Amino acid sequence: MIKLLAPRDENELVIVKSLLEGAGIAFHIQNEHFGALYPGLNIFPFSERVILVADPDFDRASLLVHDFRKATEGTPEPGDVG
């Protein structure tokens, strides 16, 4: 499996998981439940969550994440609502 992304926060993790599940891409989240075991403890190398995907799915997964981040970080175009 290949590292796809280290989400910035829980919100990004949940959304990316949903996108991958919706696209039928298998994934694994390294350290997914570490924070639940030790609340309040934040040891970066151990508590960082990393999303891993299979080699054949990496390009599709990477495109999904790129499009998601572009949509959430981009500045609104003239004429866009909201």
Protein backbone atom coordinates (compact mmCIF):
# COMPACT_ATOMS: atom_id res chain seq x y z
CA MET A 1 0.00 0.00 0.00
CA ILE A 2 1.08 3.55 -0.73
CA LYS A 3 0.68 6.65 1.43
CA LEU A 4 -2.03 8.79 -0.08
CA LEU A 5 -2.55 11.49 2.51
CA ALA A 6 -2.01 12.55 6.10
CA PRO A 7 -5.26 14.46 6.78
CA ARG A 8 -5.01 17.84 8.46
CA ASP A 9 -7.87 17.12 10.87
CA GLU A 10 -10.75 14.77 11.66
CA ASN A 11 -13.08 16.55 9.24
CA GLU A 12 -10.77 16.01 6.30
CA LEU A 13 -10.26 12.38 7.33
CA VAL A 14 -14.01 11.69 7.37
CA ILE A 15 -14.59 13.37 4.01
CA VAL A 16 -11.70 11.60 2.27
CA LYS A 17 -12.85 8.26 3.71
CA SER A 18 -16.31 8.94 2.30
CA LEU A 19 -14.91 9.87 -1.12
CA LEU A 20 -12.80 6.72 -1.27
CA GLU A 21 -15.67 4.50 -0.16
CA GLY A 22 -17.98 6.12 -2.71
CA ALA A 23 -15.47 5.46 -5.48
CA GLY A 24 -15.01 1.85 -4.41
CA ILE A 25 -11.34 2.35 -3.54
CA ALA A 26 -10.00 0.11 -0.79
CA PHE A 27 -7.96 1.91 1.85
CA HIS A 28 -6.43 1.52 5.28
CA ILE A 29 -5.99 4.21 7.91
CA GLN A 30 -2.79 3.83 9.89
CA ASN A 31 -3.20 4.86 13.56
CA GLU A 32 -6.95 5.29 13.08
CA HIS A 33 -7.87 4.55 16.69
CA PHE A 34 -4.74 5.72 18.48
CA GLY A 35 -6.33 8.97 19.68
CA ALA A 36 -9.23 7.05 21.19
CA LEU A 37 -6.85 4.97 23.28
CA TYR A 38 -4.98 7.94 24.73
CA PRO A 39 -7.17 11.04 24.73
CA GLY A 40 -5.24 14.27 24.97
CA LEU A 41 -1.93 12.64 24.15
CA ASN A 42 -0.48 13.94 20.91
CA ILE A 43 2.81 12.32 19.95
CA PHE A 44 3.24 13.27 16.30
CA PRO A 45 4.88 10.17 14.80
CA PHE A 46 2.49 7.88 16.65
CA SER A 47 -0.79 9.80 16.50
CA GLU A 48 -0.56 11.01 12.90
CA ARG A 49 -3.23 9.31 10.83
CA VAL A 50 -2.18 8.23 7.36
CA ILE A 51 -4.48 7.01 4.59
CA LEU A 52 -2.96 4.19 2.55
CA VAL A 53 -4.32 2.84 -0.73
CA ALA A 54 -3.38 -0.09 -2.95
CA ASP A 55 -0.88 0.59 -5.73
CA PRO A 56 -3.38 0.12 -8.60
CA ASP A 57 -5.85 2.58 -7.01
CA PHE A 58 -3.33 5.29 -6.16
CA ASP A 59 -3.87 7.44 -9.28
CA ARG A 60 -7.67 7.50 -8.92
CA ALA A 61 -7.47 8.15 -5.17
CA SER A 62 -4.91 10.90 -5.67
CA LEU A 63 -7.15 12.60 -8.22
CA LEU A 64 -10.11 12.47 -5.81
CA VAL A 65 -8.08 14.06 -3.02
CA HIS A 66 -6.61 16.68 -5.35
CA ASP A 67 -10.08 17.67 -6.61
CA PHE A 68 -11.45 17.77 -3.06
CA ARG A 69 -8.64 19.99 -1.78
CA LYS A 70 -8.83 22.25 -4.82
CA ALA A 71 -12.59 22.69 -4.29
CA THR A 72 -12.20 23.52 -0.60
CA GLU A 73 -9.12 25.73 -0.82
CA GLY A 74 -9.85 27.61 -4.01
CA THR A 75 -11.10 31.15 -4.05
CA PRO A 76 -14.60 31.64 -5.45
CA GLU A 77 -14.75 32.54 -9.11
CA PRO A 78 -16.71 35.65 -10.16
CA GLY A 79 -20.35 34.70 -10.45
CA ASP A 80 -20.12 31.74 -8.03
CA VAL A 81 -22.94 31.60 -5.53
CA GLY A 82 -22.22 31.35 -1.83
